[in-house]
Amino acid sequence: MQKAIEKIPRYLMTIVVTGVIYYMTLFPKPFGDVRIGLFPGADKVAHGLMFAAFAFCLHLDLNRGLSRPGRFVGLTLAVSIAFGGAIELAQKLMALGRSAEWLDWAADTVGAAVGLWLSVQLLKKMESSNG
């Protein structure tokens, strides 16, 4: 797994996930006119998953090449929470048919915490297999 991650250019994962988040959250109709029937609260699950991926990738990218990985936990969480808040503010200010919601930001925050935790666990596993 570590070799596969090392082959990906640094920050590419984070950039791709960030682009997907921008598209999914800021474009007025990210799926065009296609209507997808989902369960109530599915958008909160989607927010959580997007920000779990963001925090996971950002934390891995920040820790690449460090002799003792696992740093930048606070920075990763702070950037993830700020990014989620910025998205919600942008939705409110842009007036493109998207709505800003506190619960979306909460889902972003919870997802970021989960993604960060998963990244920390992966880094520990990779460090123990190297050591």
Protein backbone atom coordinates (compact mmCIF):
# COMPACT_ATOMS: atom_id res chain seq x y z
CA MET A 1 0.00 0.00 0.00
CA GLN A 2 2.78 2.42 0.91
CA LYS A 3 4.53 1.93 -2.43
CA ALA A 4 1.29 2.58 -4.30
CA ILE A 5 0.73 5.81 -2.36
CA GLU A 6 4.32 6.91 -2.94
CA LYS A 7 3.86 6.58 -6.72
CA ILE A 8 1.10 9.20 -6.70
CA PRO A 9 2.50 12.74 -6.96
CA ARG A 10 2.35 14.61 -3.66
CA TYR A 11 -0.91 16.54 -3.15
CA LEU A 12 -2.52 15.08 -6.29
CA MET A 13 -5.03 13.09 -4.19
CA THR A 14 -5.92 16.19 -2.18
CA ILE A 15 -6.28 18.33 -5.31
CA VAL A 16 -8.57 15.80 -7.01
CA VAL A 17 -10.79 15.40 -3.94
CA THR A 18 -10.93 19.19 -3.51
CA GLY A 19 -12.04 19.56 -7.14
CA VAL A 20 -14.77 16.97 -6.68
CA ILE A 21 -15.97 18.73 -3.53
CA TYR A 22 -16.06 22.11 -5.31
CA TYR A 23 -18.02 20.62 -8.18
CA MET A 24 -20.47 18.67 -6.04
CA THR A 25 -21.15 21.51 -3.60
CA LEU A 26 -20.94 24.70 -5.66
CA PHE A 27 -22.32 23.85 -9.09
CA PRO A 28 -26.08 24.48 -9.29
CA LYS A 29 -26.91 21.06 -10.80
CA PRO A 30 -23.89 18.74 -10.48
CA PHE A 31 -25.91 15.84 -11.96
CA GLY A 32 -27.66 17.91 -14.63
CA ASP A 33 -31.39 17.23 -14.87
CA VAL A 34 -31.02 13.67 -13.55
CA ARG A 35 -33.08 13.21 -10.38
CA ILE A 36 -31.60 10.72 -7.95
CA GLY A 37 -34.07 9.37 -5.41
CA LEU A 38 -32.27 9.04 -2.09
CA PHE A 39 -33.17 8.48 1.52
CA PRO A 40 -33.72 11.44 3.87
CA GLY A 41 -30.37 12.77 5.07
CA ALA A 42 -28.42 11.29 2.14
CA ASP A 43 -26.88 14.69 1.49
CA LYS A 44 -25.39 14.67 5.00
CA VAL A 45 -23.87 11.26 4.34
CA ALA A 46 -22.44 12.60 1.07
CA HIS A 47 -20.95 15.61 2.89
CA GLY A 48 -19.42 13.32 5.49
CA LEU A 49 -17.90 11.04 2.86
CA MET A 50 -16.49 13.93 0.82
CA PHE A 51 -14.81 15.50 3.83
CA ALA A 52 -13.60 12.16 5.14
CA ALA A 53 -11.83 11.72 1.80
CA PHE A 54 -10.48 15.29 1.94
CA ALA A 55 -9.03 14.97 5.46
CA PHE A 56 -7.68 11.48 4.73
CA CYS A 57 -5.85 12.62 1.59
CA LEU A 58 -4.64 15.91 3.05
CA HIS A 59 -3.21 14.21 6.14
CA LEU A 60 -1.45 11.55 4.06
CA ASP A 61 -0.03 14.20 1.73
CA LEU A 62 1.19 16.38 4.60
CA ASN A 63 2.96 13.40 6.17
CA ARG A 64 4.71 12.12 3.06
CA GLY A 65 8.44 11.79 3.40
CA LEU A 66 8.51 12.39 7.15
CA SER A 67 10.71 10.10 9.19
CA ARG A 68 8.03 10.01 11.89
CA PRO A 69 4.67 10.36 10.17
CA GLY A 70 1.47 11.19 12.02
CA ARG A 71 2.01 14.89 12.51
CA PHE A 72 -0.28 17.66 11.33
CA VAL A 73 -3.41 16.21 12.96
CA GLY A 74 -4.54 19.60 14.27
CA LEU A 75 -3.72 21.37 11.03
CA THR A 76 -5.57 18.79 8.96
CA LEU A 77 -8.67 19.02 11.13
CA ALA A 78 -8.59 22.84 11.20
CA VAL A 79 -8.18 23.12 7.41
CA SER A 80 -10.96 20.57 6.85
CA ILE A 81 -13.40 22.34 9.16
CA ALA A 82 -12.54 25.74 7.66
CA PHE A 83 -12.95 24.36 4.12
CA GLY A 84 -16.39 22.97 5.01
CA GLY A 85 -17.42 26.32 6.49
CA ALA A 86 -16.10 28.20 3.46
CA ILE A 87 -18.14 25.96 1.15
CA GLU A 88 -21.32 26.69 3.11
CA LEU A 89 -20.60 30.45 3.07
CA ALA A 90 -19.91 30.32 -0.67
CA GLN A 91 -23.21 28.52 -1.24
CA LYS A 92 -25.03 31.27 0.63
CA LEU A 93 -23.21 34.15 -1.07
CA MET A 94 -23.16 32.82 -4.63
CA ALA A 95 -26.96 32.53 -4.94
CA LEU A 96 -26.74 29.76 -7.55
CA GLY A 97 -29.57 27.67 -6.20
CA ARG A 98 -27.54 25.95 -3.49
CA SER A 99 -28.44 26.32 0.17
CA ALA A 100 -26.07 26.79 3.08
CA GLU A 101 -26.88 24.59 6.06
CA TRP A 102 -25.35 24.26 9.51
CA LEU A 103 -26.01 20.51 9.45
CA ASP A 104 -23.99 20.18 6.24
CA TRP A 105 -21.06 21.83 7.99
CA ALA A 106 -21.54 19.51 10.97
CA ALA A 107 -21.51 16.52 8.59
CA ASP A 108 -18.34 17.91 6.98
CA THR A 109 -16.72 18.15 10.41
CA VAL A 110 -17.69 14.65 11.47
CA GLY A 111 -16.54 13.24 8.14
CA ALA A 112 -13.22 15.09 8.42
CA ALA A 113 -12.66 13.64 11.90
CA VAL A 114 -13.36 10.12 10.62
CA GLY A 115 -11.10 10.54 7.59
CA LEU A 116 -8.33 11.94 9.76
CA TRP A 117 -8.65 9.03 12.19
CA LEU A 118 -8.43 6.56 9.29
CA SER A 119 -5.34 8.32 7.96
CA VAL A 120 -3.66 8.21 11.37
CA GLN A 121 -4.42 4.48 11.61
CA LEU A 122 -3.00 3.84 8.14
CA LEU A 123 0.15 5.82 8.90
CA LYS A 124 0.65 3.84 12.14
CA LYS A 125 0.26 0.59 10.24
CA MET A 126 2.69 1.70 7.53
CA GLU A 127 5.20 2.88 10.15
CA SER A 128 5.03 -0.39 12.07
CA SER A 129 5.54 -2.42 8.89
CA ASN A 130 8.64 -0.33 8.08
CA GLY A 131 10.11 -0.36 11.55
